[in-house]
Amino acid sequence: MISVLVYLLVFLAGGLFIELIRMGQERYRQWQVAHHTIRQGGSLEVVARGWAASPRNWCNKPGCPRCWGRRWGR
């Protein structure tokens, strides 16, 4: 019985951890759009389209080595 509870706790903790990683990635993506808007001085829509055109920005898998490389900062 205790082992079942431990497995359940580990499963829930893993889900929480993955959700926190996803939220961090979303914050980073929002920061990228804001940063490029400020640097280019253009409208938010133009910058967001340019940012979304890159296939590297489509992946939402946490820690995907193909998209995120060794570090999260790309």
C-alpha atoms as a PDB file:
ATOM      1  CA  MET A   1       0.000   0.000   0.000  1.00  0.00           C
ATOM      2  CA  ILE A   2       2.805   2.381   0.851  1.00  0.00           C
ATOM      3  CA  SER A   3       4.568   1.651  -2.424  1.00  0.00           C
ATOM      4  CA  VAL A   4       1.393   2.536  -4.348  1.00  0.00           C
ATOM      5  CA  LEU A   5       1.178   5.853  -2.508  1.00  0.00           C
ATOM      6  CA  VAL A   6       4.845   6.551  -3.196  1.00  0.00           C
ATOM      7  CA  TYR A   7       4.380   5.805  -6.907  1.00  0.00           C
ATOM      8  CA  LEU A   8       1.328   8.064  -7.007  1.00  0.00           C
ATOM      9  CA  LEU A   9       3.211  10.855  -5.234  1.00  0.00           C
ATOM     10  CA  VAL A  10       6.146  10.560  -7.653  1.00  0.00           C
ATOM     11  CA  PHE A  11       3.744  10.606 -10.613  1.00  0.00           C
ATOM     12  CA  LEU A  12       2.020  13.758  -9.352  1.00  0.00           C
ATOM     13  CA  ALA A  13       5.336  15.441  -8.573  1.00  0.00           C
ATOM     14  CA  GLY A  14       6.543  14.667 -12.100  1.00  0.00           C
ATOM     15  CA  GLY A  15       3.398  16.179 -13.580  1.00  0.00           C
ATOM     16  CA  LEU A  16       3.865  19.315 -11.494  1.00  0.00           C
ATOM     17  CA  PHE A  17       7.512  19.546 -12.523  1.00  0.00           C
ATOM     18  CA  ILE A  18       6.670  19.241 -16.226  1.00  0.00           C
ATOM     19  CA  GLU A  19       3.976  21.901 -15.862  1.00  0.00           C
ATOM     20  CA  LEU A  20       6.462  24.272 -14.213  1.00  0.00           C
ATOM     21  CA  ILE A  21       8.920  23.694 -17.058  1.00  0.00           C
ATOM     22  CA  ARG A  22       6.196  24.432 -19.612  1.00  0.00           C
ATOM     23  CA  MET A  23       5.271  27.649 -17.820  1.00  0.00           C
ATOM     24  CA  GLY A  24       8.910  28.701 -17.789  1.00  0.00           C
ATOM     25  CA  GLN A  25       9.196  28.073 -21.515  1.00  0.00           C
ATOM     26  CA  GLU A  26       6.073  30.130 -22.181  1.00  0.00           C
ATOM     27  CA  ARG A  27       7.489  33.014 -20.143  1.00  0.00           C
ATOM     28  CA  TYR A  28      10.715  32.790 -22.121  1.00  0.00           C
ATOM     29  CA  ARG A  29       8.809  32.850 -25.416  1.00  0.00           C
ATOM     30  CA  GLN A  30       6.821  35.892 -24.311  1.00  0.00           C
ATOM     31  CA  TRP A  31      10.050  37.592 -23.294  1.00  0.00           C
ATOM     32  CA  GLN A  32      11.513  36.840 -26.751  1.00  0.00           C
ATOM     33  CA  VAL A  33       8.575  38.480 -28.514  1.00  0.00           C
ATOM     34  CA  ALA A  34       8.753  41.540 -26.265  1.00  0.00           C
ATOM     35  CA  HIS A  35      12.525  41.774 -26.688  1.00  0.00           C
ATOM     36  CA  HIS A  36      12.333  41.622 -30.488  1.00  0.00           C
ATOM     37  CA  THR A  37       9.507  44.169 -30.525  1.00  0.00           C
ATOM     38  CA  ILE A  38      11.609  46.630 -28.579  1.00  0.00           C
ATOM     39  CA  ARG A  39      14.728  46.011 -30.672  1.00  0.00           C
ATOM     40  CA  GLN A  40      12.981  46.303 -34.026  1.00  0.00           C
ATOM     41  CA  GLY A  41      10.635  49.101 -33.045  1.00  0.00           C
ATOM     42  CA  GLY A  42       7.871  47.503 -35.097  1.00  0.00           C
ATOM     43  CA  SER A  43       4.341  46.523 -34.252  1.00  0.00           C
ATOM     44  CA  LEU A  44       3.773  43.527 -32.030  1.00  0.00           C
ATOM     45  CA  GLU A  45       1.884  41.678 -34.775  1.00  0.00           C
ATOM     46  CA  VAL A  46       4.761  41.926 -37.273  1.00  0.00           C
ATOM     47  CA  VAL A  47       7.299  40.767 -34.709  1.00  0.00           C
ATOM     48  CA  ALA A  48       5.073  37.908 -33.501  1.00  0.00           C
ATOM     49  CA  ARG A  49       4.620  36.670 -37.081  1.00  0.00           C
ATOM     50  CA  GLY A  50       8.349  36.729 -37.701  1.00  0.00           C
ATOM     51  CA  TRP A  51       8.989  34.915 -34.434  1.00  0.00           C
ATOM     52  CA  ALA A  52       6.322  32.281 -35.143  1.00  0.00           C
ATOM     53  CA  ALA A  53       7.718  31.649 -38.636  1.00  0.00           C
ATOM     54  CA  SER A  54      10.714  29.836 -37.161  1.00  0.00           C
ATOM     55  CA  PRO A  55      10.030  26.097 -36.696  1.00  0.00           C
ATOM     56  CA  ARG A  56      12.277  26.165 -33.607  1.00  0.00           C
ATOM     57  CA  ASN A  57       9.570  28.151 -31.812  1.00  0.00           C
ATOM     58  CA  TRP A  58       6.824  25.599 -32.502  1.00  0.00           C
ATOM     59  CA  CYS A  59       8.032  22.849 -30.184  1.00  0.00           C
ATOM     60  CA  ASN A  60       6.452  22.747 -26.727  1.00  0.00           C
ATOM     61  CA  LYS A  61       8.187  19.613 -25.472  1.00  0.00           C
ATOM     62  CA  PRO A  62      10.198  20.396 -22.342  1.00  0.00           C
ATOM     63  CA  GLY A  63      13.904  19.912 -22.893  1.00  0.00           C
ATOM     64  CA  CYS A  64      13.557  18.694 -26.480  1.00  0.00           C
ATOM     65  CA  PRO A  65      17.186  18.244 -27.603  1.00  0.00           C
ATOM     66  CA  ARG A  66      16.328  18.934 -31.242  1.00  0.00           C
ATOM     67  CA  CYS A  67      14.719  22.292 -30.522  1.00  0.00           C
ATOM     68  CA  TRP A  68      16.245  23.430 -27.265  1.00  0.00           C
ATOM     69  CA  GLY A  69      19.775  22.086 -27.598  1.00  0.00           C
ATOM     70  CA  ARG A  70      21.862  21.422 -24.510  1.00  0.00           C
ATOM     71  CA  ARG A  71      20.641  24.503 -22.711  1.00  0.00           C
ATOM     72  CA  TRP A  72      17.237  26.168 -22.571  1.00  0.00           C
ATOM     73  CA  GLY A  73      18.603  29.438 -23.860  1.00  0.00           C
ATOM     74  CA  ARG A  74      18.979  28.029 -27.388  1.00  0.00           C
END
